[in-house]
Structure formats: C-alpha cells, structure tokens
Protein backbone atom coordinates (compact mmCIF):
# COMPACT_ATOMS: atom_id res chain seq x y z
CA MET A 1 -139.19 141.61 276.23
CA GLU A 2 -141.89 139.06 275.44
CA CYS A 3 -143.50 137.78 278.63
CA ILE A 4 -145.65 134.68 278.58
CA SER A 5 -147.92 133.31 281.28
CA ILE A 6 -147.73 129.64 282.17
CA PHE A 7 -151.37 129.43 281.04
CA ASP A 8 -150.22 130.29 277.54
CA MET A 9 -147.91 127.28 277.67
CA LEU A 10 -150.46 124.95 279.30
CA LYS A 11 -153.75 125.27 277.42
CA ILE A 12 -156.78 122.99 277.47
CA GLY A 13 -157.90 121.97 273.99
CA ILE A 14 -158.91 119.21 271.61
CA GLY A 15 -156.43 116.88 269.89
CA PRO A 16 -154.64 115.82 267.88
CA SER A 17 -152.45 118.90 267.31
CA SER A 18 -152.07 122.28 268.98
CA SER A 19 -150.69 123.87 265.81
CA HIS A 20 -152.88 122.05 263.29
CA THR A 21 -156.09 121.69 265.32
CA LEU A 22 -156.24 124.11 268.25
CA GLY A 23 -154.50 126.93 266.35
CA PRO A 24 -156.83 126.95 263.32
CA TRP A 25 -159.81 126.56 265.67
CA ARG A 26 -158.74 129.64 267.65
CA ALA A 27 -157.95 131.50 264.43
CA ALA A 28 -161.53 130.94 263.22
CA GLU A 29 -162.88 132.24 266.52
CA ARG A 30 -160.63 135.26 266.32
CA TRP A 31 -161.67 136.02 262.73
CA ILE A 32 -165.34 135.91 263.66
CA ALA A 33 -164.68 138.27 266.58
CA GLU A 34 -162.93 140.69 264.23
CA LEU A 35 -165.82 140.54 261.74
CA LYS A 36 -168.21 141.40 264.54
CA ALA A 37 -166.01 144.24 265.76
CA THR A 38 -166.01 145.81 262.27
CA GLN A 39 -169.78 145.30 261.77
CA LEU A 40 -169.21 142.89 258.89
CA PHE A 41 -170.41 139.66 260.50
CA GLU A 42 -174.10 140.14 259.62
CA LYS A 43 -173.18 140.90 255.99
CA VAL A 44 -171.32 137.63 255.35
CA ILE A 45 -173.05 135.30 252.88
CA LYS A 46 -170.20 132.91 251.99
CA VAL A 47 -166.99 131.70 253.61
CA GLN A 48 -163.90 129.93 252.28
CA VAL A 49 -160.72 128.94 254.08
CA HIS A 50 -157.32 128.48 252.41
CA VAL A 51 -154.74 126.31 254.20
CA TYR A 52 -151.02 126.46 253.38
CA GLY A 53 -147.69 124.71 253.92
CA SER A 54 -147.27 122.19 256.70
CA LEU A 55 -150.78 123.01 257.86
CA SER A 56 -151.98 121.76 254.47
CA LEU A 57 -149.62 118.82 253.92
CA THR A 58 -150.60 117.07 257.17
CA GLY A 59 -153.82 118.98 257.81
CA LYS A 60 -156.34 116.25 257.17
CA GLY A 61 -154.41 113.76 259.30
CA HIS A 62 -154.28 116.39 262.05
CA ALA A 63 -158.04 117.15 261.77
CA THR A 64 -157.42 120.72 260.59
CA ASP A 65 -160.61 120.59 258.53
CA TYR A 66 -162.58 119.53 261.62
CA ALA A 67 -161.02 122.34 263.65
CA ILE A 68 -161.92 124.95 261.04
CA VAL A 69 -165.53 123.78 260.87
CA LEU A 70 -165.87 123.71 264.65
CA GLY A 71 -164.23 127.11 265.00
CA LEU A 72 -166.57 128.63 262.42
CA THR A 73 -169.57 127.30 264.34
CA GLY A 74 -168.40 129.07 267.49
CA ALA A 75 -167.72 125.89 269.50
CA ASP A 76 -165.17 126.29 272.32
CA PRO A 77 -162.39 123.64 272.39
CA GLU A 78 -162.08 123.94 276.17
CA PHE A 79 -165.69 123.08 276.87
CA ILE A 80 -167.29 121.36 273.87
CA PRO A 81 -168.41 117.82 274.78
CA VAL A 82 -165.99 115.56 272.93
CA THR A 83 -168.88 113.31 271.93
CA ASP A 84 -170.44 116.22 269.98
CA ILE A 85 -167.47 116.80 267.65
CA HIS A 86 -168.19 114.21 264.99
CA GLN A 87 -171.91 114.92 265.13
CA ILE A 88 -171.42 118.65 264.46
CA VAL A 89 -169.00 118.08 261.57
CA ARG A 90 -171.20 115.37 260.07
CA LYS A 91 -174.22 117.67 260.16
CA VAL A 92 -172.30 120.42 258.35
CA LYS A 93 -171.14 117.99 255.67
CA GLU A 94 -174.58 116.51 255.13
CA SER A 95 -176.50 119.80 255.10
CA GLY A 96 -173.97 121.90 253.24
CA THR A 97 -174.54 124.64 255.81
CA LEU A 98 -173.17 125.74 259.16
CA VAL A 99 -174.38 128.03 261.91
CA PHE A 100 -171.76 130.75 261.51
CA GLY A 101 -170.56 131.88 264.93
CA ASN A 102 -173.47 129.92 266.40
CA ILE A 103 -175.74 132.74 265.18
CA ARG A 104 -176.41 132.71 261.42
CA THR A 105 -176.86 129.82 259.00
CA ILE A 106 -174.79 130.16 255.82
CA PRO A 107 -173.87 127.71 253.04
CA PHE A 108 -170.62 125.85 253.66
CA LYS A 109 -169.31 122.63 252.15
CA PRO A 110 -166.03 121.57 253.79
CA ALA A 111 -164.91 119.54 250.76
CA VAL A 112 -165.24 122.63 248.56
CA ASP A 113 -164.82 125.58 250.89
CA ILE A 114 -161.69 124.40 252.72
CA LEU A 115 -158.87 124.48 250.19
CA PHE A 116 -155.52 122.84 250.91
CA HIS A 117 -152.50 124.38 249.14
CA ARG A 118 -148.99 122.88 249.10
CA LYS A 119 -147.54 126.39 248.84
CA PHE A 120 -145.70 127.76 251.89
CA LEU A 121 -146.37 131.34 252.89
CA PRO A 122 -143.18 133.28 253.74
CA PHE A 123 -143.98 134.19 257.34
CA HIS A 124 -144.53 130.72 258.85
CA ALA A 125 -145.07 127.13 257.70
CA ASN A 126 -148.59 127.03 259.20
CA GLY A 127 -150.63 129.64 257.37
CA LEU A 128 -154.37 129.87 256.77
CA LYS A 129 -156.50 132.57 255.14
CA PHE A 130 -160.16 133.16 255.95
CA GLU A 131 -162.10 134.76 253.13
CA CYS A 132 -165.70 135.90 253.11
CA THR A 133 -168.08 137.28 250.51
CA LEU A 134 -170.40 140.04 251.67
CA GLY A 135 -173.93 140.74 250.55
CA ASP A 136 -172.79 143.50 248.19
CA GLY A 137 -170.37 141.12 246.44
CA LYS A 138 -167.23 142.50 248.08
CA LYS A 139 -164.69 140.10 249.54
CA LYS A 140 -162.72 140.43 252.76
CA SER A 141 -159.87 138.19 253.91
CA LYS A 142 -157.48 137.80 256.83
CA THR A 143 -154.42 135.57 257.13
CA TYR A 144 -153.34 133.94 260.37
CA TYR A 145 -150.41 131.77 261.37
CA SER A 146 -150.57 128.91 263.86
CA ILE A 147 -147.08 129.10 265.34
CA GLY A 148 -147.26 126.16 267.76
CA GLY A 149 -148.84 125.39 271.11
CA GLY A 150 -152.15 126.95 270.04
CA PHE A 151 -150.57 130.39 269.60
CA VAL A 152 -151.99 132.37 266.67
CA VAL A 153 -150.57 135.55 265.13
CA THR A 154 -151.57 137.68 262.15
CA GLU A 155 -149.47 138.05 259.05
CA GLU A 156 -148.01 141.42 259.99
CA ARG A 157 -144.50 140.71 261.20
CA LYS A 158 -144.76 143.35 263.85
CA ASN A 159 -147.33 141.18 265.58
CA ALA A 160 -145.14 138.07 265.64
CA LYS A 161 -143.59 139.13 268.93
CA ARG A 162 -146.79 140.52 270.39
CA LYS A 163 -147.34 140.27 274.10
CA ILE A 164 -149.91 137.75 275.15
CA ALA A 165 -151.22 140.20 277.74
CA ASP A 166 -150.15 143.45 279.35
CA PHE A 167 -147.20 142.37 281.45
CA LYS A 168 -145.96 145.83 282.46
CA THR A 169 -146.57 144.84 286.08
CA PHE A 170 -144.55 141.62 285.76
CA PRO A 171 -142.09 141.89 288.67
CA TYR A 172 -139.61 139.42 287.13
CA PRO A 173 -139.62 139.60 283.32
CA ILE A 174 -137.77 136.58 281.96
CA GLU A 175 -136.28 136.04 278.53
CA LYS A 176 -133.46 133.60 279.31
CA GLY A 177 -132.43 131.06 281.88
CA THR A 178 -129.63 133.28 283.16
CA GLN A 179 -132.14 135.99 284.10
CA LEU A 180 -134.32 133.47 285.92
CA LEU A 181 -131.33 132.17 287.86
CA GLU A 182 -130.26 135.73 288.75
CA TYR A 183 -133.71 136.45 290.22
CA CYS A 184 -133.60 133.23 292.26
CA THR A 185 -130.13 134.02 293.62
CA ARG A 186 -130.90 137.66 294.41
CA GLU A 187 -134.28 137.02 296.02
CA ARG A 188 -133.26 133.69 297.57
CA LYS A 189 -136.32 132.05 296.09
CA SER A 190 -137.00 128.89 294.15
CA ILE A 191 -137.99 129.03 290.48
CA SER A 192 -141.61 128.23 291.32
CA GLU A 193 -141.70 131.13 293.80
CA ILE A 194 -140.39 133.59 291.19
CA VAL A 195 -142.90 132.37 288.60
CA LEU A 196 -145.69 132.53 291.18
CA GLU A 197 -144.98 136.22 291.78
CA ASN A 198 -145.24 136.89 288.05
CA GLU A 199 -148.55 135.05 287.80
CA ARG A 200 -149.90 136.95 290.81
CA SER A 201 -149.50 140.17 288.84
CA LEU A 202 -152.15 138.81 286.44
CA ARG A 203 -154.66 137.06 288.68
CA SER A 204 -155.56 136.39 292.30
CA ASP A 205 -154.28 133.36 294.19
CA THR A 206 -157.78 131.94 294.14
CA GLU A 207 -158.05 132.22 290.35
CA LEU A 208 -154.51 130.94 289.89
CA ASP A 209 -155.17 127.84 291.98
CA LYS A 210 -158.50 127.28 290.26
CA GLN A 211 -156.93 127.32 286.80
CA LEU A 212 -153.97 125.16 287.81
CA LEU A 213 -156.29 122.61 289.42
CA ARG A 214 -158.40 122.54 286.27
CA ILE A 215 -155.29 121.88 284.19
CA TRP A 216 -154.24 119.04 286.48
CA ASP A 217 -157.73 117.56 286.56
CA THR A 218 -157.78 117.58 282.76
CA MET A 219 -154.41 115.81 282.65
CA LEU A 220 -155.50 113.24 285.23
CA GLU A 221 -158.81 112.57 283.51
CA CYS A 222 -157.02 112.21 280.19
CA MET A 223 -154.71 109.54 281.61
CA PHE A 224 -157.66 107.84 283.28
CA ILE A 225 -159.68 107.74 280.04
CA GLY A 226 -156.72 106.56 277.99
CA CYS A 227 -156.02 103.69 280.37
CA ARG A 228 -159.65 102.54 280.23
CA THR A 229 -160.25 102.78 276.47
CA GLU A 230 -159.43 99.88 274.16
CA GLY A 231 -159.58 99.36 270.42
CA ASN A 232 -157.89 101.01 267.45
CA LEU A 233 -157.15 104.67 266.88
CA PRO A 234 -159.01 106.48 264.09
CA GLY A 235 -157.31 107.58 260.86
CA GLY A 236 -156.77 104.43 258.84
CA LEU A 237 -153.44 103.16 260.23
CA ASN A 238 -155.31 100.75 262.51
CA VAL A 239 -152.95 101.50 265.40
CA ARG A 240 -154.02 99.56 268.45
CA ARG A 241 -154.32 101.44 271.71
CA ARG A 242 -151.62 100.09 274.01
CA ALA A 243 -152.29 101.99 277.22
CA PHE A 244 -155.35 99.83 277.93
CA ASP A 245 -153.43 96.56 277.68
CA MET A 246 -150.50 97.91 279.70
CA HIS A 247 -152.86 99.20 282.37
CA GLN A 248 -154.68 95.87 282.58
CA LYS A 249 -151.39 94.09 283.29
CA LEU A 250 -150.17 96.67 285.80
CA LYS A 251 -153.25 97.55 287.80
CA GLY A 252 -154.05 94.16 289.31
CA GLU A 253 -156.98 94.69 291.65
CA ILE A 254 -156.73 98.49 291.64
CA PRO A 255 -160.26 99.96 291.83
CA HIS A 256 -160.73 102.85 289.45
CA GLU A 257 -164.22 104.31 289.54
CA ASN A 258 -162.99 107.87 288.97
CA PRO A 259 -159.65 109.60 288.25
CA ARG A 260 -158.91 110.63 291.85
CA GLN A 261 -159.68 107.20 293.30
CA TRP A 262 -157.55 105.69 290.55
CA LEU A 263 -154.59 107.90 291.48
CA THR A 264 -154.95 107.08 295.18
CA SER A 265 -155.03 103.35 294.42
CA ILE A 266 -151.88 103.52 292.30
CA ARG A 267 -150.07 105.40 295.06
CA ASN A 268 -150.95 102.66 297.51
CA THR A 269 -149.54 99.95 295.25
CA GLU A 270 -146.00 98.62 295.70
CA VAL A 271 -144.17 99.14 292.43
CA LYS A 272 -140.93 97.47 291.32
CA PHE A 273 -138.30 99.19 289.16
CA ARG A 274 -139.35 97.64 285.86
CA GLN A 275 -142.97 98.44 286.63
CA ILE A 276 -142.03 102.08 287.23
CA LEU A 277 -140.86 102.35 283.62
CA GLN A 278 -144.02 100.59 282.46
CA TRP A 279 -146.29 102.87 284.48
CA VAL A 280 -144.60 106.02 283.17
CA SER A 281 -144.90 104.76 279.60
CA CYS A 282 -148.51 103.79 280.21
CA PHE A 283 -149.39 107.28 281.47
CA ALA A 284 -147.72 108.96 278.49
CA LEU A 285 -149.27 106.61 275.92
CA ALA A 286 -152.71 107.03 277.47
CA VAL A 287 -152.66 110.81 277.05
CA ASN A 288 -151.53 110.75 273.45
CA GLU A 289 -153.93 108.02 272.46
CA VAL A 290 -156.72 110.25 273.76
CA ASN A 291 -155.13 113.13 271.86
CA ALA A 292 -155.01 111.13 268.62
CA SER A 293 -158.74 110.43 269.02
CA LEU A 294 -159.76 114.12 269.12
CA GLY A 295 -159.97 113.95 272.89
CA ARG A 296 -159.43 116.77 275.37
CA VAL A 297 -155.83 117.25 276.52
CA VAL A 298 -153.55 119.95 277.89
CA THR A 299 -151.03 121.36 275.43
CA ALA A 300 -147.77 120.95 277.29
CA PRO A 301 -146.43 122.77 275.39
CA THR A 302 -148.16 121.16 272.38
CA ASN A 303 -150.76 118.48 271.81
CA GLY A 304 -148.26 116.17 270.13
CA SER A 305 -146.15 116.25 273.30
CA ALA A 306 -149.06 116.39 275.76
CA GLY A 307 -148.22 113.10 277.47
CA VAL A 308 -144.74 113.87 278.82
CA ILE A 309 -145.58 116.30 281.64
CA PRO A 310 -148.60 114.37 283.01
CA ALA A 311 -146.59 111.13 282.97
CA VAL A 312 -143.65 112.65 284.85
CA LEU A 313 -145.92 114.39 287.36
CA MET A 314 -147.76 111.10 287.94
CA TYR A 315 -144.38 109.43 288.44
CA TYR A 316 -143.65 111.92 291.24
CA LEU A 317 -147.06 111.52 292.87
CA ALA A 318 -147.30 107.76 292.54
CA ILE A 319 -143.67 106.74 293.08
CA GLU A 320 -141.57 109.49 294.67
CA ASN A 321 -143.87 111.20 297.16
CA HIS A 322 -147.12 109.56 298.19
CA LYS A 323 -147.88 112.46 300.55
CA ALA A 324 -147.66 115.13 297.85
CA ASP A 325 -150.74 117.26 297.34
CA PHE A 326 -151.88 120.20 295.22
CA GLN A 327 -149.01 122.41 296.39
CA GLU A 328 -146.47 120.09 294.75
CA ILE A 329 -148.60 119.86 291.62
CA LYS A 330 -148.75 123.66 291.55
CA ARG A 331 -144.98 124.04 291.87
CA PHE A 332 -144.41 121.46 289.14
CA LEU A 333 -146.69 123.25 286.67
CA LEU A 334 -145.24 126.67 287.50
CA VAL A 335 -141.69 125.53 286.79
CA ALA A 336 -142.65 123.54 283.69
CA GLY A 337 -144.58 126.46 282.22
CA GLU A 338 -141.69 128.88 282.71
CA ILE A 339 -139.11 126.57 281.14
CA GLY A 340 -141.40 126.09 278.16
CA SER A 341 -141.75 129.85 277.72
CA ILE A 342 -137.94 130.24 277.61
CA PHE A 343 -137.80 127.81 274.69
CA LYS A 344 -140.66 129.57 272.93
CA LYS A 345 -138.99 132.97 273.22
CA GLY A 346 -135.52 131.76 272.25
CA ALA A 347 -136.40 129.11 269.68
CA THR A 348 -139.76 127.54 268.80
CA ILE A 349 -142.33 125.04 270.04
CA SER A 350 -143.66 124.41 266.52
CA ALA A 351 -142.75 121.12 264.83
CA ALA A 352 -143.49 122.80 261.51
CA MET A 353 -140.59 125.14 262.26
CA GLY A 354 -138.24 122.99 264.32
CA GLY A 355 -139.15 119.33 264.00
CA CYS A 356 -140.11 117.17 266.96
CA GLN A 357 -137.24 118.56 269.06
CA ALA A 358 -139.53 121.59 269.39
CA GLU A 359 -142.29 119.45 270.88
CA ILE A 360 -141.03 116.33 272.64
CA GLY A 361 -137.67 117.95 273.35
CA VAL A 362 -139.23 121.01 274.96
CA SER A 363 -141.80 119.01 276.91
CA SER A 364 -139.06 116.71 278.22
CA ALA A 365 -137.02 119.74 279.30
CA MET A 366 -140.07 121.25 281.01
CA ALA A 367 -140.79 118.03 282.89
CA ALA A 368 -137.15 117.44 283.83
CA GLY A 369 -136.77 120.87 285.36
CA ALA A 370 -140.08 120.69 287.22
CA LEU A 371 -139.31 117.25 288.64
CA THR A 372 -135.87 118.42 289.75
CA GLU A 373 -137.35 121.20 291.88
CA LEU A 374 -139.80 118.83 293.55
CA LEU A 375 -136.96 116.40 294.30
CA GLY A 376 -135.07 119.13 296.15
CA GLY A 377 -132.86 120.47 293.39
CA THR A 378 -131.50 124.01 293.39
CA PRO A 379 -132.59 126.50 290.71
CA ALA A 380 -129.26 125.88 288.95
CA GLN A 381 -129.91 122.12 288.97
CA VAL A 382 -133.43 122.70 287.64
CA LEU A 383 -132.06 124.56 284.62
CA MET A 384 -129.33 121.95 284.24
CA ALA A 385 -131.94 119.18 284.09
CA ALA A 386 -133.88 121.07 281.42
CA GLU A 387 -130.68 121.48 279.41
CA ILE A 388 -129.77 117.80 279.69
CA ALA A 389 -133.21 116.71 278.51
CA MET A 390 -133.14 118.98 275.46
CA GLU A 391 -129.52 118.20 274.64
CA HIS A 392 -130.51 114.61 273.96
CA HIS A 393 -133.46 115.56 271.76
CA LEU A 394 -131.55 117.95 269.49
CA GLY A 395 -132.25 117.24 265.83
CA LEU A 396 -135.34 115.09 266.50
CA THR A 397 -137.40 115.16 263.31
CA CYS A 398 -141.16 115.36 262.85
CA ASP A 399 -142.15 112.69 260.32
CA PRO A 400 -145.67 111.43 261.11
CA ILE A 401 -146.78 108.49 258.98
CA GLY A 402 -149.90 109.38 257.02
CA GLY A 403 -149.86 112.85 258.54
CA LEU A 404 -151.39 111.36 261.69
CA VAL A 405 -150.20 112.16 265.22
CA GLN A 406 -149.75 108.45 265.94
CA ILE A 407 -146.54 106.90 264.57
CA PRO A 408 -143.94 107.74 265.87
CA CYS A 409 -145.54 110.55 267.88
CA ILE A 410 -147.28 108.58 270.63
CA GLU A 411 -144.25 106.46 271.54
CA ARG A 412 -142.04 109.55 271.60
CA ASN A 413 -144.01 110.85 274.57
CA SER A 414 -143.07 107.82 276.66
CA MET A 415 -139.43 108.22 275.60
CA GLY A 416 -139.53 111.93 276.44
CA ALA A 417 -140.96 111.20 279.88
CA ILE A 418 -138.29 108.61 280.70
CA LYS A 419 -135.55 110.97 279.49
CA ALA A 420 -136.97 113.74 281.68
CA ILE A 421 -136.76 111.56 284.79
CA ASN A 422 -133.23 110.50 283.88
CA ALA A 423 -132.21 114.12 283.23
CA ALA A 424 -133.53 115.13 286.65
CA GLU A 425 -131.52 112.42 288.39
CA LEU A 426 -128.36 113.37 286.48
CA ALA A 427 -128.78 117.02 287.43
CA LEU A 428 -129.42 116.20 291.08
CA GLY A 429 -126.18 114.24 291.19
CA SER A 430 -124.16 116.98 289.48
CA ASN A 431 -122.57 120.32 290.32
CA PRO A 432 -124.14 122.93 288.00
CA GLU A 433 -121.02 125.09 288.31
CA GLU A 434 -119.14 122.41 286.41
CA ALA A 435 -121.72 122.18 283.62
CA LYS A 436 -120.27 122.83 280.18
CA VAL A 437 -123.55 123.64 278.40
CA PRO A 438 -125.94 126.21 279.95
CA LEU A 439 -129.67 126.11 279.21
CA ASP A 440 -129.54 129.27 277.08
CA LYS A 441 -126.89 127.74 274.84
CA VAL A 442 -128.95 124.63 274.19
CA VAL A 443 -131.98 126.83 273.39
CA GLN A 444 -129.88 128.74 270.86
CA THR A 445 -128.47 125.51 269.44
CA MET A 446 -131.95 124.05 269.10
CA TRP A 447 -133.04 127.08 267.07
CA GLU A 448 -129.95 126.89 264.83
CA THR A 449 -130.62 123.18 264.32
CA ALA A 450 -134.22 123.95 263.44
CA LYS A 451 -133.19 126.47 260.80
CA ASP A 452 -130.71 124.01 259.27
CA MET A 453 -133.20 121.13 259.22
CA SER A 454 -134.73 120.18 255.88
CA SER A 455 -138.43 121.00 255.51
CA LYS A 456 -138.96 117.28 254.81
CA TYR A 457 -138.54 116.69 258.54
CA LYS A 458 -140.75 119.52 259.77
CA GLU A 459 -144.27 118.06 260.03
CA THR A 460 -144.75 117.77 256.27
CA SER A 461 -144.73 113.95 256.06
CA GLU A 462 -142.33 114.28 253.14
CA GLY A 463 -139.34 112.55 254.74
CA GLY A 464 -138.18 110.08 257.36
CA LEU A 465 -140.60 107.43 258.59
CA ALA A 466 -143.44 109.17 256.78
CA VAL A 467 -142.03 108.03 253.43
CA GLY A 468 -139.84 105.17 254.65
CA VAL A 469 -142.84 103.17 255.86
CA PHE A 470 -145.59 102.46 253.35
CA LEU A 471 -149.14 102.88 254.60
CA SER A 472 -149.89 99.39 253.30
CA ASP A 473 -147.30 98.06 255.76
CA CYS A 474 -149.32 99.48 258.64
C-alpha cells in the first residue's frame, strides 16, 4: 500500500507548474545527487537534457527550460529568492556556462543543450533524460518522469509505486476513502485526527506544526503579493493581472502592511454575499497570478491549481469563523492533504495524464472536504463533499493557450474554489447514507475518464482553447 504524507501533497516551490517546473527542477537535483553518489560528478565535462511529450510541447510556456537550468545550478526552489531567478538564467545564457551543482563551472548553452522532442516516452507523458559526457569520452544518462505535483520517479516501472518514505510505522495506512471512514468510525475520531496520528509517526508535533505553519505562511504571503501586484503577466499573451484591481475595489480602507495584518483587517470587515464571491475569486486569482510569474506558491496538489485551497481556507478564516486560529488551519491542511493523496493513489494529479480534472478537480475536492470538517461535518460528510466537488469537474480538459499557465488556468482556480464551498454546503445539508456515488467510485471514474481522454486535451496545447483561440486574438 502506497502511503503519502500530506507534505508530499503540499509542497513549496516555484511556479508556474509542479509537473513542468518543480518536477524537472527536482529531477535535476536528484540526478546530480546520484552522480555524486557514484563518484561521477567530478568527471562530468558536458551536460545535455532531452525533454519529451507534454513536458516538451508546453515546456517553454511552463518555464521547463528555466527549471532545468536552475536545478543544474543547485538552486533550491523552496528557498531561492524569486528575484534571483531571471538573473541566474540570464547569466547562464550570456556566458554559455553554468556552475554545475553550485560547485564546478562547465559549458552549457540552454538553446543548444536543452532539446525538446515531440515524441512521447511510453511510461509517462512527462519524460526527461539527463545525459553527461565524462572526461574519458564516455556518456552516462538517466531518465526521469515528472508525474504531477512535483513527484519524480525513474523510468523503471517498479519504482512508479515507490513509497515516499518508510511508512511501516504508519498506524492508519490509507488507500481509499472507505478505509479512512472505517478508521474514523472505529476510533471515533475525525479525519484530521486520524491523519495527525499518521503524520506523528514521521515527525514530532513541533516539527509538524512548524512545517504546516510555513505552508500556510507561504499561501498567505502569495495571496498578499498577488493582491498588491499590478501589470501584465509574462509570456506574451499580455494577460492583465486582475487580483490587484479586484482587491482595490474590495479593500476600501483596509491597511495591509504585511500578510498577517492584511488578514486581520479583512476579518474585521463586514462583507456582503456578492462580495464574498468576489473575495474568494480575488484570493484564488492572486495566487495563480503569482504562480504564472515564476513566484513561490504551495502545490495544492499542483501549481496550476495552487489557488483553490488558499482561497477556500481564507474564506473560512475571513467569513465563517473570525476566531479561528492555527489549530483550524492545521485541521484544514491535514484533511486536504489526505484527500489529495487518495486521488493520487487511485487516479492521478497530473494534467498530462488526466487533464485539468486531475488538478482543479482534485484541489476542489481537497478544499471541499477540508472546509466541511471545519464547518462541523462528519467524516462521511467530508468525503461526500470531496466527491461532489470532483463529480462536477469530471472530464475537465487541460488546454492552455500558448502553453502558458494563464488562460484558462487562472480563472479555473476561482471556479474550483467556489465549487468547493458549494460542495461543502451541499454535503452538510445531506445524509451521506443516502449518497448514490461514494468518493472511491468518483476517483475510479476520474481515472477511467482520464484514460479515455484524447491526448489533445492533456496539457499538450493541441486541442480545445489552445487551438480554438489564436494567439493574435489575445
């Protein structure tokens, strides 16, 4: 049974894509580590990277080339100053060299040494091969697959279901929603309590709280930055940032010197129904506009869907419960992370494999379930809310215009957030025993839908809006 920590579902990284940016970045880091472990790193004199399939077709729009360069230099996506990204890549391009692993300078020209191939490798749509030439003329290569949400596996199929860590001490191993519900019923615990016990088998309460707080702070800062930044997004579509304008109209006299003061001010503001919808949309747009600008976000479960969970959590904090504190935030993230892992195990969170239902659909389900627990829902209602949210995202295609995570991706986060809130309310007003579609069935259906979906609608920009709207129209 594959067991996944919530911190595998909620990762801190750089936009615009967890599969096309964070994944290749982590793959480069992993390759360097393997070269060092086999005493080959010091012998490398030349490097080339081959990119395949969906990773190639929308790679440049998703900054895959940037991610590869940054990964090869040893930069860490969790901690690199965002303002340094363009400077580092520009220096590599201008000098024709890079500091390999932040240790050795070797020749490297991104335009020549990163090769984009339309060919799809058989294992997964997002494949990339790192190849190096050693001092004696021999060549060594390793192929990796970015399978969504920043997860990276090697080409050997036996590793595709690898455990993220040693979970032999996991007290409540979970593969499906039915198992999770059985644990809750037997132990008379909420979903967040069950997930908390699993996480405690990996880390102390102090470390757990520290990491969860860091995730929330990153989400909050991302919304704060997005609401304060105006102008157009990079990439050539000239998409205007909308979160800034929406925030200007909504905030009134709200002081906002820092993210925490900003949140407190919003919570103290009387909000009407229509403004609630506007605020939720504003929060979601803000995150994904930062994401589209190579900003720092939390994959939840992916970068393309990073705005849904922060927007719904902000809705709870700012609208539903002004007295909520870190404990509620903690419970929300625990539940959301576990629901996301159920979808990853039973289906996919990769748009290159399942279309946007695998990103926005999963994030909406995660947020719906988490919100339901905070609003007093039973474990059965939590899973019902997750099912409802995904049910109404089934078949959602991934068709980014120009290969950029902008149109329709950014708007879809606001739609996913609103659907999550609606799904939670529907579940809270329903009897789960009368539900006709269990969560596990919708996970299975999502995977079957993904397999039946044409590759044109799986993050290749070869169908849908990506070809229906001419770039000149934008």
